[in-house]
Amino acid sequence: MDVRVGTVDEVRREGCRIVDVGGRRIGVISVGEEFFAINDKCPHMGASMCAGSLGGTMVASTPHEYVYGKDDRVIRCPWHGWEFDLETGRSLLEPKRSGLGVYRVTQEDGHVVLHA
């Protein structure tokens, strides 16, 4: 199912727009020139992920070296700080056990389109 979420400018201005698709709340998130779409419900206790914050995290590196990466590609739950990769939906702490559903998003004729 394809859903027009709004114009590119509207969604960028809001940062995150929540749409209901068949009873599922999906957050469409603007990051720079890109858009991501995730289930808006944290799998831990159900908080709205769009009420959370975007940031980065430490990424794999050599011993005793600390490298910050994935800037604005990690979303944090506003209630308990659970972190998820925006691109894959996987939990940073337990990637094999927990995650958010992710959906494809495109831009067509100046509009953001969610493919759910």
Protein backbone atom coordinates (compact mmCIF):
# COMPACT_ATOMS: atom_id res chain seq x y z
CA MET A 1 0.00 0.00 0.00
CA ASP A 2 1.37 3.41 -0.98
CA VAL A 3 0.49 6.39 1.20
CA ARG A 4 1.25 10.02 0.41
CA VAL A 5 2.52 11.41 3.69
CA GLY A 6 2.76 15.09 2.69
CA THR A 7 4.99 17.36 0.71
CA VAL A 8 8.74 17.02 1.08
CA ASP A 9 8.91 20.50 2.64
CA GLU A 10 6.13 19.76 5.17
CA VAL A 11 7.70 16.52 6.39
CA ARG A 12 11.18 18.07 6.56
CA ARG A 13 9.82 21.00 8.58
CA GLU A 14 8.07 18.68 11.06
CA GLY A 15 10.99 16.24 11.33
CA CYS A 16 8.65 13.32 11.97
CA ARG A 17 5.11 12.76 10.76
CA ILE A 18 3.01 9.90 12.08
CA VAL A 19 0.57 8.18 9.74
CA ASP A 20 -1.91 5.40 10.45
CA VAL A 21 -1.74 2.53 7.99
CA GLY A 22 -4.16 -0.29 8.66
CA GLY A 23 -4.12 0.37 12.40
CA ARG A 24 -0.31 0.65 12.58
CA ARG A 25 1.29 3.95 13.58
CA ILE A 26 4.26 4.58 11.31
CA GLY A 27 6.66 7.46 11.82
CA VAL A 28 8.17 9.01 8.70
CA ILE A 29 11.38 10.76 9.74
CA SER A 30 13.34 13.39 7.82
CA VAL A 31 17.13 13.32 8.12
CA GLY A 32 18.90 15.73 5.80
CA GLU A 33 17.86 14.83 2.27
CA GLU A 34 16.63 11.34 3.27
CA PHE A 35 13.45 9.94 4.75
CA PHE A 36 13.08 6.85 6.92
CA ALA A 37 9.95 5.08 8.13
CA ILE A 38 9.64 2.98 11.29
CA ASN A 39 6.93 1.57 13.52
CA ASP A 40 6.19 4.37 15.96
CA LYS A 41 5.79 2.02 18.93
CA CYS A 42 8.85 1.09 21.00
CA PRO A 43 8.89 -2.71 21.51
CA HIS A 44 9.86 -2.25 25.17
CA MET A 45 6.90 -0.36 26.65
CA GLY A 46 5.11 1.20 23.68
CA ALA A 47 6.34 4.81 23.71
CA SER A 48 6.07 6.88 20.54
CA MET A 49 9.47 6.71 18.86
CA CYS A 50 8.78 10.00 17.07
CA ALA A 51 8.80 11.66 20.49
CA GLY A 52 12.38 10.41 20.95
CA SER A 53 15.63 11.94 19.78
CA LEU A 54 18.03 11.34 16.91
CA GLY A 55 21.75 10.98 17.40
CA GLY A 56 24.67 8.69 16.71
CA THR A 57 26.63 6.06 18.56
CA MET A 58 30.08 4.60 18.98
CA VAL A 59 30.98 2.32 16.07
CA ALA A 60 33.35 -0.63 15.76
CA SER A 61 36.99 0.40 15.77
CA THR A 62 40.40 -0.80 16.88
CA PRO A 63 41.08 -1.44 20.59
CA HIS A 64 41.41 1.74 22.68
CA GLU A 65 40.06 3.87 19.84
CA TYR A 66 36.65 5.51 20.14
CA VAL A 67 34.88 6.44 16.93
CA TYR A 68 31.53 8.22 16.86
CA GLY A 69 29.36 7.42 13.85
CA LYS A 70 25.87 6.86 12.45
CA ASP A 71 25.13 10.52 13.17
CA ASP A 72 21.36 11.12 13.02
CA ARG A 73 20.87 7.44 12.14
CA VAL A 74 20.02 6.29 15.67
CA ILE A 75 16.64 6.97 17.26
CA ARG A 76 16.24 6.82 21.05
CA CYS A 77 13.03 5.97 22.85
CA PRO A 78 11.89 8.95 24.96
CA TRP A 79 10.94 6.79 27.96
CA HIS A 80 13.89 4.47 28.62
CA GLY A 81 16.52 5.36 26.01
CA TRP A 82 16.36 2.19 23.94
CA GLU A 83 18.28 2.84 20.73
CA PHE A 84 17.47 1.64 17.22
CA ASP A 85 19.20 1.95 13.85
CA LEU A 86 16.92 4.02 11.58
CA GLU A 87 18.03 2.16 8.46
CA THR A 88 17.53 -1.41 9.69
CA GLY A 89 15.22 -0.94 12.68
CA ARG A 90 17.45 -3.21 14.76
CA SER A 91 18.15 -2.54 18.43
CA LEU A 92 21.72 -1.41 19.08
CA LEU A 93 21.82 -3.39 22.33
CA GLU A 94 20.17 -6.63 21.18
CA PRO A 95 20.04 -6.59 17.37
CA LYS A 96 19.01 -10.25 17.08
CA ARG A 97 16.19 -10.00 19.64
CA SER A 98 14.53 -6.63 19.25
CA GLY A 99 13.76 -4.08 16.60
CA LEU A 100 11.33 -1.77 14.88
CA GLY A 101 9.60 -2.48 11.59
CA VAL A 102 11.04 -0.39 8.77
CA TYR A 103 9.38 0.67 5.53
CA ARG A 104 10.56 2.04 2.21
CA VAL A 105 10.02 5.75 1.55
CA THR A 106 10.37 7.56 -1.76
CA GLN A 107 9.85 11.06 -3.11
CA GLU A 108 7.46 11.50 -6.02
CA ASP A 109 6.41 14.80 -7.57
CA GLY A 110 7.45 16.77 -4.46
CA HIS A 111 5.63 14.41 -2.06
CA VAL A 112 6.90 11.85 0.43
CA VAL A 113 5.41 8.41 -0.29
CA LEU A 114 5.39 5.60 2.26
CA HIS A 115 5.35 2.06 0.85
CA ALA A 116 3.83 -0.02 3.64
